[in-house]
């Protein structure tokens, strides 16, 4: 049975942004969005009316951390992600949200691990947060979530659901909110699931590479990767679940000054490489984390051998995607990427005794978007 809910959120001043509509940002290499770290009660003076009876949205998978960028760097990956279908539903109490169903795109079966209570589902929490921002009181909504990402994969599964849901509510009511509003709604969801970090949900919403400069107040910087450069991610997902909470618990309580300086320099080099389109420099920085990866890699059977196999096969760099267990390598050729993926799969089986699947994907430069809608 579907459960409807309305979310109560604290009041604060409305967030501000350097652009007013996420669909039409200015053409700049770096976009900064500043907003308060708590969600506003509402951002509009009057409740907007629906412009669609239903919408369907998509939000891409993400690779967070990118080696030395723990909790402040991430990017979106093309061709993988979650879909949300959202509709005005007269059977749902006005101002409330009901999750109608949750399916898996692979076999269309209900995912038993995910709650249909909107207050305990990442898509539901984000959708309710946007409804609160818009002060939606006169209509009820029903939501269907189609999971295209596995849980606990290190590919931003919860963030993709949250991003798709936040964008769906915003689009259903005319697209009034800014990017920073939508990221805050996604952060409300992420904080319930895996902690207050935006390195998955921000790139899932914005596309491309994103740097989180500050969390209080939230400040996001879009890092423009050159349009004329090819970048491919080799994503190898082993048959092994690495829950985010468990992987975060493995992090060191203290960091030496030498490791701090090293990681800061590598993160800086990574940002410079992204902006310059320098894939070799990006790969070197991606592979150079001395703080987080050394603690997490031993928890994923075969990961260290997989990284070595990727680099020996020609990858510019390799690391753990997010909290794992997916390994991510980068290269400039899709064909070479498939060869690297084969070597990584072999290493997972040989050293970790884990079956794994490999795929090669490009950078998603768009982010969460409206796929289709039925106008009123």
Protein backbone atom coordinates (compact mmCIF):
# COMPACT_ATOMS: atom_id res chain seq x y z
CA UNK A 1 0.00 0.00 0.00
CA UNK A 2 1.30 3.44 -0.91
CA UNK A 3 1.82 5.86 1.97
CA UNK A 4 1.32 9.59 1.52
CA UNK A 5 3.17 12.20 3.54
CA UNK A 6 3.83 15.87 3.90
CA UNK A 7 7.19 17.10 5.20
CA UNK A 8 7.63 19.89 7.74
CA UNK A 9 10.85 21.81 7.30
CA UNK A 10 12.39 24.71 9.22
CA UNK A 11 11.92 28.27 8.02
CA UNK A 12 14.82 30.37 6.76
CA UNK A 13 15.56 33.07 4.23
CA UNK A 14 15.32 32.14 0.57
CA UNK A 15 18.47 30.99 -1.22
CA UNK A 16 20.02 33.11 -3.92
CA UNK A 17 21.87 32.13 -7.07
CA UNK A 18 23.83 33.68 -9.89
CA UNK A 19 21.21 32.38 -12.32
CA UNK A 20 17.45 32.09 -11.98
CA UNK A 21 16.61 29.04 -14.05
CA UNK A 22 18.60 25.77 -14.09
CA UNK A 23 17.66 25.23 -17.73
CA UNK A 24 19.28 28.51 -18.86
CA UNK A 25 22.54 29.15 -17.00
CA UNK A 26 24.90 31.80 -18.36
CA UNK A 27 27.73 30.61 -20.58
CA UNK A 28 30.58 30.69 -18.06
CA UNK A 29 33.35 28.27 -17.28
CA UNK A 30 32.54 28.49 -13.59
CA UNK A 31 29.06 28.98 -12.13
CA UNK A 32 28.73 29.78 -8.45
CA UNK A 33 25.54 29.16 -6.51
CA UNK A 34 25.27 30.46 -2.96
CA UNK A 35 22.47 29.61 -0.59
CA UNK A 36 21.74 28.98 3.07
CA UNK A 37 22.40 25.50 4.39
CA UNK A 38 18.83 25.01 5.66
CA UNK A 39 15.79 24.73 3.43
CA UNK A 40 13.44 27.70 3.05
CA UNK A 41 9.80 27.39 4.07
CA UNK A 42 8.90 28.57 0.59
CA UNK A 43 10.53 30.51 -2.23
CA UNK A 44 7.49 31.86 -4.07
CA UNK A 45 4.99 34.43 -2.84
CA UNK A 46 2.05 32.44 -4.21
CA UNK A 47 1.52 28.74 -4.79
CA UNK A 48 2.17 27.88 -8.46
CA UNK A 49 -0.37 25.91 -10.45
CA UNK A 50 0.64 22.68 -12.21
CA UNK A 51 1.61 23.10 -15.86
CA UNK A 52 1.54 19.34 -16.51
CA UNK A 53 -0.72 16.54 -15.37
CA UNK A 54 2.35 14.29 -15.25
CA UNK A 55 6.08 14.44 -16.01
CA UNK A 56 8.89 11.97 -16.43
CA UNK A 57 12.44 12.95 -15.45
CA UNK A 58 15.90 11.41 -15.52
CA UNK A 59 18.93 12.00 -13.29
CA UNK A 60 22.37 10.54 -14.09
CA UNK A 61 24.74 8.43 -12.05
CA UNK A 62 27.73 10.15 -10.51
CA UNK A 63 31.33 9.49 -9.54
CA UNK A 64 32.09 11.23 -6.25
CA UNK A 65 35.40 12.05 -4.58
CA UNK A 66 37.46 11.48 -7.74
CA UNK A 67 40.35 10.32 -5.58
CA UNK A 68 41.60 13.24 -3.46
CA UNK A 69 38.33 15.24 -3.63
CA UNK A 70 36.56 13.53 -0.72
CA UNK A 71 33.10 15.09 -0.22
CA UNK A 72 33.84 18.11 -2.41
CA UNK A 73 34.34 16.86 -5.99
CA UNK A 74 32.09 14.82 -8.25
CA UNK A 75 30.95 14.40 -11.83
CA UNK A 76 27.97 13.03 -13.75
CA UNK A 77 28.09 9.91 -15.94
CA UNK A 78 26.10 9.61 -19.15
CA UNK A 79 23.71 6.75 -19.90
CA UNK A 80 23.13 5.50 -16.35
CA UNK A 81 20.64 6.75 -13.82
CA UNK A 82 17.13 6.77 -12.36
CA UNK A 83 13.77 7.87 -13.75
CA UNK A 84 10.87 9.40 -11.85
CA UNK A 85 7.28 9.72 -13.07
CA UNK A 86 5.23 12.26 -11.13
CA UNK A 87 1.53 13.02 -11.54
CA UNK A 88 -1.21 15.15 -10.04
CA UNK A 89 -3.38 12.62 -8.23
CA UNK A 90 -6.86 13.52 -6.90
CA UNK A 91 -6.73 10.38 -4.74
CA UNK A 92 -3.84 11.86 -2.70
CA UNK A 93 -4.61 14.39 0.01
CA UNK A 94 -3.74 17.97 -1.09
CA UNK A 95 -0.22 18.94 -0.12
CA UNK A 96 0.81 15.31 0.30
CA UNK A 97 2.88 12.86 -1.75
CA UNK A 98 2.31 9.16 -2.32
CA UNK A 99 4.89 6.76 -3.74
CA UNK A 100 2.89 4.61 -6.14
CA UNK A 101 5.56 2.07 -7.02
CA UNK A 102 9.28 1.38 -7.17
CA UNK A 103 10.59 -0.74 -10.02
CA UNK A 104 13.96 -1.90 -11.29
CA UNK A 105 14.63 -1.17 -14.96
CA UNK A 106 16.45 -4.49 -15.35
CA UNK A 107 13.54 -6.75 -14.46
CA UNK A 108 10.63 -4.39 -13.65
CA UNK A 109 10.27 -5.92 -10.18
CA UNK A 110 9.59 -3.97 -7.00
CA UNK A 111 12.76 -3.26 -5.06
CA UNK A 112 12.04 -4.72 -1.63
CA UNK A 113 14.86 -2.79 0.03
CA UNK A 114 13.31 0.63 -0.61
CA UNK A 115 10.44 2.04 1.43
CA UNK A 116 7.30 3.42 -0.21
CA UNK A 117 6.87 5.77 2.73
CA UNK A 118 7.89 9.19 1.29
CA UNK A 119 9.48 10.19 4.59
CA UNK A 120 11.89 7.24 4.41
CA UNK A 121 12.62 7.16 0.68
CA UNK A 122 15.31 9.35 -0.91
CA UNK A 123 13.10 10.32 -3.86
CA UNK A 124 10.17 11.01 -1.55
CA UNK A 125 12.19 13.20 0.83
CA UNK A 126 13.53 15.34 -2.03
CA UNK A 127 10.11 15.65 -3.65
CA UNK A 128 8.53 16.72 -0.36
CA UNK A 129 11.31 19.26 0.16
CA UNK A 130 10.57 20.87 -3.21
CA UNK A 131 6.83 20.83 -2.48
CA UNK A 132 7.62 22.69 0.74
CA UNK A 133 9.77 25.24 -1.09
CA UNK A 134 6.91 25.88 -3.52
CA UNK A 135 4.30 25.78 -0.75
CA UNK A 136 2.22 23.19 -2.60
CA UNK A 137 -1.06 22.79 -0.70
CA UNK A 138 -3.89 22.52 -3.22
CA UNK A 139 -3.02 19.26 -5.01
CA UNK A 140 -1.68 15.84 -4.09
CA UNK A 141 1.00 14.04 -6.07
CA UNK A 142 1.86 10.42 -6.78
CA UNK A 143 5.39 9.32 -7.65
CA UNK A 144 6.80 6.24 -9.36
CA UNK A 145 10.53 5.54 -9.14
CA UNK A 146 12.36 3.45 -11.73
CA UNK A 147 15.79 2.43 -10.45
CA UNK A 148 18.44 2.15 -13.11
CA UNK A 149 21.25 2.04 -10.57
CA UNK A 150 22.05 -0.70 -8.06
CA UNK A 151 22.05 0.13 -4.36
CA UNK A 152 25.37 0.53 -2.60
CA UNK A 153 27.34 0.64 -5.84
CA UNK A 154 29.28 3.88 -5.38
CA UNK A 155 27.52 5.44 -8.38
CA UNK A 156 25.26 7.83 -6.49
CA UNK A 157 22.11 5.70 -6.49
CA UNK A 158 20.31 7.63 -3.73
CA UNK A 159 21.40 10.98 -5.20
CA UNK A 160 20.05 10.10 -8.65
CA UNK A 161 16.65 9.24 -7.17
CA UNK A 162 16.61 12.46 -5.16
CA UNK A 163 17.71 14.58 -8.12
CA UNK A 164 15.13 13.08 -10.48
CA UNK A 165 12.36 13.60 -7.91
CA UNK A 166 13.35 17.19 -7.11
CA UNK A 167 13.45 18.13 -10.80
CA UNK A 168 10.12 16.34 -11.41
CA UNK A 169 8.24 18.41 -8.82
CA UNK A 170 9.88 21.62 -10.03
CA UNK A 171 9.01 20.92 -13.68
CA UNK A 172 5.44 19.87 -12.87
CA UNK A 173 4.85 23.33 -11.41
CA UNK A 174 6.59 25.39 -14.08
CA UNK A 175 10.32 25.21 -13.24
CA UNK A 176 10.48 28.16 -10.82
CA UNK A 177 13.33 26.96 -8.60
CA UNK A 178 17.05 27.54 -9.07
CA UNK A 179 19.79 24.94 -9.22
CA UNK A 180 20.78 25.76 -5.64
CA UNK A 181 17.18 25.19 -4.49
CA UNK A 182 17.18 21.77 -6.12
CA UNK A 183 20.55 20.81 -4.70
CA UNK A 184 19.34 21.77 -1.22
CA UNK A 185 16.31 19.53 -1.69
CA UNK A 186 18.62 16.70 -2.72
CA UNK A 187 20.85 17.38 0.27
CA UNK A 188 17.84 17.05 2.56
CA UNK A 189 17.46 13.54 1.17
CA UNK A 190 21.17 12.64 1.20
CA UNK A 191 21.54 13.76 4.83
CA UNK A 192 18.93 11.17 5.84
CA UNK A 193 20.57 8.37 3.86
CA UNK A 194 24.35 8.78 3.91
CA UNK A 195 25.31 12.15 5.36
CA UNK A 196 25.34 15.82 4.43
CA UNK A 197 27.50 15.76 1.32
CA UNK A 198 26.67 17.11 -2.14
CA UNK A 199 29.38 15.51 -4.28
CA UNK A 200 26.79 13.13 -5.76
CA UNK A 201 23.56 15.12 -5.83
CA UNK A 202 25.08 18.38 -7.12
CA UNK A 203 26.62 16.87 -10.29
CA UNK A 204 23.54 14.68 -10.78
CA UNK A 205 21.43 17.85 -10.93
CA UNK A 206 23.93 20.13 -12.67
CA UNK A 207 25.83 17.71 -14.93
CA UNK A 208 29.55 17.79 -15.64
CA UNK A 209 32.14 18.29 -12.90
CA UNK A 210 31.15 20.13 -9.72
CA UNK A 211 33.25 21.46 -6.84
CA UNK A 212 31.56 22.04 -3.49
CA UNK A 213 33.48 25.04 -2.18
CA UNK A 214 31.45 25.40 1.02
CA UNK A 215 28.61 23.67 2.84
CA UNK A 216 27.65 26.48 5.20
CA UNK A 217 26.61 28.40 3.25
CA UNK A 218 26.38 25.99 0.35
CA UNK A 219 28.49 27.19 -2.57
CA UNK A 220 28.84 25.17 -5.76
CA UNK A 221 31.29 25.74 -8.60
CA UNK A 222 30.74 24.12 -11.97
CA UNK A 223 34.05 23.05 -13.55
CA UNK A 224 33.74 23.28 -17.31
CA UNK A 225 35.42 20.36 -19.07
CA UNK A 226 36.29 21.39 -22.67
CA UNK A 227 33.62 20.44 -25.21
CA UNK A 228 36.20 19.34 -27.77
CA UNK A 229 37.82 16.78 -25.45
CA UNK A 230 36.79 13.13 -25.14
CA UNK A 231 36.57 11.63 -21.67
CA UNK A 232 35.44 8.09 -20.96
CA UNK A 233 34.85 6.41 -17.61
CA UNK A 234 35.52 2.69 -17.30
CA UNK A 235 33.15 1.57 -14.55
CA UNK A 236 33.65 -1.91 -13.13
CA UNK A 237 31.07 -3.02 -10.60
CA UNK A 238 31.82 -6.22 -8.63
CA UNK A 239 29.19 -8.45 -7.07
CA UNK A 240 29.80 -6.92 -3.66
CA UNK A 241 27.87 -4.35 -1.64
CA UNK A 242 29.72 -1.56 0.15
CA UNK A 243 27.22 0.37 2.28
CA UNK A 244 28.11 4.05 2.49
CA UNK A 245 27.82 4.16 6.29
CA UNK A 246 30.22 1.24 6.66
CA UNK A 247 32.73 2.75 4.25
CA UNK A 248 32.59 6.13 5.97
CA UNK A 249 33.19 4.43 9.31
CA UNK A 250 36.54 3.21 7.96
CA UNK A 251 37.88 6.74 7.50
CA UNK A 252 40.76 7.89 9.71
CA UNK A 253 39.92 10.11 12.68
CA UNK A 254 43.13 12.10 12.21
CA UNK A 255 45.24 12.97 9.17
CA UNK A 256 48.94 13.81 9.14
CA UNK A 257 50.06 17.20 7.89
CA UNK A 258 52.08 15.60 5.07
CA UNK A 259 49.05 13.67 3.80
CA UNK A 260 46.88 16.78 4.11
CA UNK A 261 49.29 18.84 2.02
CA UNK A 262 49.67 16.04 -0.53
CA UNK A 263 45.91 15.55 -0.99
CA UNK A 264 45.31 19.30 -1.25
CA UNK A 265 47.91 19.58 -4.00
CA UNK A 266 46.44 16.61 -5.88
CA UNK A 267 42.91 18.02 -5.62
CA UNK A 268 44.17 21.33 -6.98
CA UNK A 269 45.91 19.54 -9.83
CA UNK A 270 42.73 17.59 -10.55
CA UNK A 271 40.66 20.78 -10.83
CA UNK A 272 43.27 22.37 -13.12
CA UNK A 273 43.32 19.24 -15.29
CA UNK A 274 39.52 19.26 -15.64
CA UNK A 275 39.46 22.89 -16.75
CA UNK A 276 42.35 22.32 -19.18
CA UNK A 277 41.01 19.02 -20.51
CA UNK A 278 44.29 17.36 -19.49
CA UNK A 279 43.29 13.71 -19.14
CA UNK A 280 46.73 12.47 -18.18
CA UNK A 281 47.00 15.06 -15.43
CA UNK A 282 43.47 14.20 -14.34
CA UNK A 283 44.33 10.52 -14.20
CA UNK A 284 47.48 11.10 -12.17
CA UNK A 285 45.60 13.19 -9.60
CA UNK A 286 42.67 10.76 -9.56
CA UNK A 287 45.01 7.93 -8.57
CA UNK A 288 46.89 9.82 -5.86
CA UNK A 289 44.64 9.88 -2.78
CA UNK A 290 46.62 9.10 0.39
CA UNK A 291 43.83 9.55 2.94
CA UNK A 292 40.56 7.84 1.98
CA UNK A 293 41.36 5.24 -0.68
CA UNK A 294 44.07 3.48 1.39
CA UNK A 295 41.49 2.84 4.13
CA UNK A 296 38.66 1.75 1.84
CA UNK A 297 40.46 -0.29 -0.81
CA UNK A 298 41.32 -3.19 1.56
CA UNK A 299 37.59 -3.54 2.36
CA UNK A 300 36.80 -4.27 -1.30
CA UNK A 301 38.29 -7.66 -2.28
CA UNK A 302 40.73 -7.28 -5.16
CA UNK A 303 40.48 -3.48 -5.47
CA UNK A 304 44.21 -2.81 -5.24
CA UNK A 305 44.90 -5.36 -7.96
CA UNK A 306 42.11 -3.91 -10.09
CA UNK A 307 43.66 -0.45 -9.92
CA UNK A 308 47.05 -1.83 -10.90
CA UNK A 309 45.52 -3.80 -13.78
CA UNK A 310 43.72 -0.71 -15.10
CA UNK A 311 46.86 1.43 -15.16
CA UNK A 312 48.97 -1.35 -16.69
CA UNK A 313 46.31 -1.72 -19.42
CA UNK A 314 46.70 1.96 -20.31
CA UNK A 315 44.23 3.85 -18.12
CA UNK A 316 45.32 7.38 -17.23
CA UNK A 317 44.16 6.79 -13.67
CA UNK A 318 41.96 4.63 -11.46
CA UNK A 319 40.30 4.93 -8.07
CA UNK A 320 37.21 3.92 -6.09
CA UNK A 321 33.98 5.53 -7.27
CA UNK A 322 32.41 7.20 -4.25
CA UNK A 323 32.43 4.81 -1.34
CA UNK A 324 32.67 1.80 -3.67
CA UNK A 325 32.71 -0.98 -4.57
CA UNK A 326 32.71 0.26 -8.19
CA UNK A 327 36.18 0.99 -9.56
CA UNK A 328 36.48 3.85 -12.03
CA UNK A 329 39.26 4.39 -14.56
CA UNK A 330 39.55 7.16 -17.15
CA UNK A 331 40.69 7.06 -20.75
CA UNK A 332 40.23 9.03 -23.99
CA UNK A 333 39.01 6.16 -26.19
CA UNK A 334 35.86 4.05 -25.85
CA UNK A 335 37.53 1.07 -27.56
CA UNK A 336 40.55 1.20 -25.25
CA UNK A 337 38.14 1.62 -22.36
CA UNK A 338 36.51 -1.71 -23.14
CA UNK A 339 39.92 -3.40 -23.17
CA UNK A 340 40.80 -1.82 -19.82
CA UNK A 341 37.44 -2.91 -18.41
CA UNK A 342 38.15 -6.53 -19.38
CA UNK A 343 41.47 -6.45 -17.52
CA UNK A 344 39.78 -4.95 -14.45
CA UNK A 345 37.05 -7.61 -14.46
CA UNK A 346 39.72 -10.31 -14.66
CA UNK A 347 41.57 -8.77 -11.70
CA UNK A 348 38.43 -8.72 -9.56
CA UNK A 349 37.92 -12.43 -10.21
CA UNK A 350 41.58 -13.41 -9.91
CA UNK A 351 42.44 -11.45 -6.75
CA UNK A 352 39.08 -10.80 -5.13
CA UNK A 353 37.12 -13.88 -6.24
CA UNK A 354 34.33 -11.52 -7.29
CA UNK A 355 32.30 -11.51 -10.47
CA UNK A 356 32.17 -8.05 -12.00
CA UNK A 357 30.67 -6.23 -14.96
CA UNK A 358 32.33 -3.45 -16.92
CA UNK A 359 30.87 -0.58 -18.91
CA UNK A 360 32.32 2.47 -20.63
CA UNK A 361 30.45 5.76 -20.36
CA UNK A 362 31.12 9.37 -21.26
CA UNK A 363 30.67 12.54 -19.19
CA UNK A 364 27.07 13.67 -18.73
CA UNK A 365 27.18 17.41 -19.40
CA UNK A 366 23.44 18.07 -18.88
CA UNK A 367 22.41 16.68 -15.50
CA UNK A 368 18.88 15.94 -14.32
CA UNK A 369 16.26 16.82 -16.89
CA UNK A 370 12.68 16.60 -18.03
CA UNK A 371 12.21 13.65 -20.38
CA UNK A 372 8.52 14.05 -21.21
CA UNK A 373 5.35 15.59 -19.87
CA UNK A 374 1.60 15.66 -20.45
CA UNK A 375 0.41 19.31 -20.44
CA UNK A 376 -2.75 20.33 -18.67
